[in-house]
Amino acid sequence: MTEEKMSPLRQRMIEDMRIRGMGDKHQKSHIRAIKDFAAFLGRSPDTATPEDLRC
């Protein structure tokens, strides 16, 4: 991955995926999905409520 400023949430997510043995392509796919979800919400995904997830 490229060197960029990374949020603690993203760092933890990547670390957790590595611990679980996910490959690079799988990690990138998950990161892309979370970025899309954050764009949909208009805020950080860690602030999502159960109602946000029902949409």
N, C-alpha and C. Protein backbone atom coordinates (compact mmCIF):
# COMPACT_ATOMS: atom_id res chain seq x y z
N MET A 1 0.84 -1.18 0.00
CA MET A 1 0.00 0.00 0.00
C MET A 1 0.89 1.24 0.00
N THR A 2 0.33 2.34 -0.47
CA THR A 2 1.09 3.57 -0.52
C THR A 2 1.17 4.18 0.86
N GLU A 3 2.22 4.97 1.05
CA GLU A 3 2.39 5.68 2.32
C GLU A 3 1.45 6.87 2.34
N GLU A 4 0.48 6.84 3.21
CA GLU A 4 -0.45 7.94 3.36
C GLU A 4 -0.82 8.04 4.83
N LYS A 5 -1.32 9.19 5.22
CA LYS A 5 -1.77 9.35 6.58
C LYS A 5 -2.94 8.42 6.81
N MET A 6 -2.85 7.62 7.88
CA MET A 6 -3.85 6.60 8.13
C MET A 6 -4.51 6.84 9.48
N SER A 7 -5.82 6.75 9.50
CA SER A 7 -6.55 6.92 10.76
C SER A 7 -6.31 5.70 11.65
N PRO A 8 -6.45 5.87 12.96
CA PRO A 8 -6.30 4.72 13.86
C PRO A 8 -7.31 3.60 13.52
N LEU A 9 -8.51 3.98 13.11
CA LEU A 9 -9.52 2.98 12.74
C LEU A 9 -9.04 2.15 11.55
N ARG A 10 -8.51 2.82 10.53
CA ARG A 10 -8.03 2.09 9.35
C ARG A 10 -6.83 1.23 9.69
N GLN A 11 -5.93 1.74 10.52
CA GLN A 11 -4.76 0.96 10.94
C GLN A 11 -5.20 -0.32 11.64
N ARG A 12 -6.17 -0.19 12.53
CA ARG A 12 -6.65 -1.35 13.27
C ARG A 12 -7.31 -2.36 12.34
N MET A 13 -8.08 -1.86 11.39
CA MET A 13 -8.75 -2.74 10.44
C MET A 13 -7.72 -3.53 9.63
N ILE A 14 -6.69 -2.88 9.15
CA ILE A 14 -5.65 -3.54 8.37
C ILE A 14 -4.91 -4.56 9.24
N GLU A 15 -4.59 -4.17 10.45
CA GLU A 15 -3.91 -5.08 11.37
C GLU A 15 -4.78 -6.32 11.64
N ASP A 16 -6.06 -6.12 11.87
CA ASP A 16 -6.97 -7.24 12.11
C ASP A 16 -7.05 -8.16 10.89
N MET A 17 -7.08 -7.59 9.70
CA MET A 17 -7.16 -8.41 8.49
C MET A 17 -5.89 -9.23 8.31
N ARG A 18 -4.74 -8.63 8.63
CA ARG A 18 -3.47 -9.37 8.53
C ARG A 18 -3.43 -10.52 9.52
N ILE A 19 -3.89 -10.26 10.75
CA ILE A 19 -3.92 -11.30 11.78
C ILE A 19 -4.79 -12.47 11.32
N ARG A 20 -5.87 -12.16 10.64
CA ARG A 20 -6.79 -13.19 10.15
C ARG A 20 -6.28 -13.88 8.88
N GLY A 21 -5.15 -13.42 8.37
CA GLY A 21 -4.52 -14.07 7.22
C GLY A 21 -5.10 -13.69 5.87
N MET A 22 -5.78 -12.55 5.78
CA MET A 22 -6.34 -12.12 4.50
C MET A 22 -5.22 -11.68 3.56
N GLY A 23 -5.37 -12.03 2.31
CA GLY A 23 -4.39 -11.61 1.30
C GLY A 23 -4.56 -10.14 0.94
N ASP A 24 -3.59 -9.61 0.21
CA ASP A 24 -3.60 -8.19 -0.16
C ASP A 24 -4.84 -7.80 -0.97
N LYS A 25 -5.22 -8.63 -1.94
CA LYS A 25 -6.39 -8.30 -2.76
C LYS A 25 -7.66 -8.27 -1.92
N HIS A 26 -7.78 -9.21 -1.03
CA HIS A 26 -8.95 -9.27 -0.16
C HIS A 26 -8.99 -8.04 0.75
N GLN A 27 -7.83 -7.66 1.28
CA GLN A 27 -7.74 -6.46 2.13
C GLN A 27 -8.16 -5.22 1.36
N LYS A 28 -7.64 -5.08 0.16
CA LYS A 28 -7.97 -3.90 -0.66
C LYS A 28 -9.47 -3.85 -0.96
N SER A 29 -10.07 -5.00 -1.20
CA SER A 29 -11.50 -5.06 -1.46
C SER A 29 -12.30 -4.59 -0.24
N HIS A 30 -11.90 -5.05 0.93
CA HIS A 30 -12.58 -4.62 2.16
C HIS A 30 -12.41 -3.13 2.41
N ILE A 31 -11.21 -2.63 2.21
CA ILE A 31 -10.94 -1.20 2.42
C ILE A 31 -11.77 -0.37 1.45
N ARG A 32 -11.86 -0.80 0.20
CA ARG A 32 -12.66 -0.08 -0.80
C ARG A 32 -14.13 -0.05 -0.37
N ALA A 33 -14.65 -1.18 0.12
CA ALA A 33 -16.04 -1.24 0.56
C ALA A 33 -16.29 -0.30 1.74
N ILE A 34 -15.37 -0.24 2.67
CA ILE A 34 -15.53 0.66 3.82
C ILE A 34 -15.44 2.11 3.38
N LYS A 35 -14.55 2.42 2.43
CA LYS A 35 -14.47 3.79 1.91
C LYS A 35 -15.77 4.19 1.23
N ASP A 36 -16.35 3.27 0.47
CA ASP A 36 -17.63 3.54 -0.20
C ASP A 36 -18.74 3.75 0.84
N PHE A 37 -18.74 2.94 1.89
CA PHE A 37 -19.73 3.08 2.95
C PHE A 37 -19.58 4.42 3.65
N ALA A 38 -18.34 4.83 3.93
CA ALA A 38 -18.10 6.12 4.57
C ALA A 38 -18.58 7.27 3.68
N ALA A 39 -18.36 7.14 2.37
CA ALA A 39 -18.83 8.17 1.44
C ALA A 39 -20.36 8.22 1.43
N PHE A 40 -20.99 7.06 1.49
CA PHE A 40 -22.45 6.99 1.54
C PHE A 40 -22.98 7.67 2.81
N LEU A 41 -22.33 7.37 3.94
CA LEU A 41 -22.75 7.96 5.21
C LEU A 41 -22.45 9.45 5.30
N GLY A 42 -21.35 9.84 4.68
CA GLY A 42 -20.90 11.22 4.78
C GLY A 42 -20.14 11.49 6.07
N ARG A 43 -19.70 10.40 6.70
CA ARG A 43 -18.92 10.51 7.94
C ARG A 43 -18.17 9.20 8.17
N SER A 44 -17.40 9.17 9.25
CA SER A 44 -16.61 7.99 9.56
C SER A 44 -17.51 6.78 9.82
N PRO A 45 -17.13 5.62 9.31
CA PRO A 45 -17.97 4.44 9.51
C PRO A 45 -18.09 4.01 10.98
N ASP A 46 -17.16 4.43 11.82
CA ASP A 46 -17.26 4.04 13.23
C ASP A 46 -18.35 4.82 13.97
N THR A 47 -18.97 5.77 13.28
CA THR A 47 -20.07 6.53 13.88
C THR A 47 -21.42 6.01 13.39
N ALA A 48 -21.42 4.96 12.57
CA ALA A 48 -22.66 4.41 12.02
C ALA A 48 -23.55 3.86 13.14
N THR A 49 -24.81 4.12 13.02
CA THR A 49 -25.79 3.63 13.99
C THR A 49 -26.48 2.39 13.41
N PRO A 50 -27.16 1.63 14.23
CA PRO A 50 -27.90 0.48 13.69
C PRO A 50 -28.90 0.91 12.61
N GLU A 51 -29.49 2.08 12.75
CA GLU A 51 -30.42 2.58 11.74
C GLU A 51 -29.71 2.84 10.41
N ASP A 52 -28.48 3.37 10.46
CA ASP A 52 -27.70 3.58 9.24
C ASP A 52 -27.47 2.26 8.50
N LEU A 53 -27.27 1.20 9.24
CA LEU A 53 -26.96 -0.09 8.65
C LEU A 53 -28.19 -0.77 8.06
N ARG A 54 -29.35 -0.33 8.44
CA ARG A 54 -30.60 -0.92 7.94
C ARG A 54 -30.96 -0.38 6.55
N CYS A 55 -30.43 0.74 6.16
CA CYS A 55 -30.81 1.39 4.89
C CYS A 55 -30.49 0.55 3.68
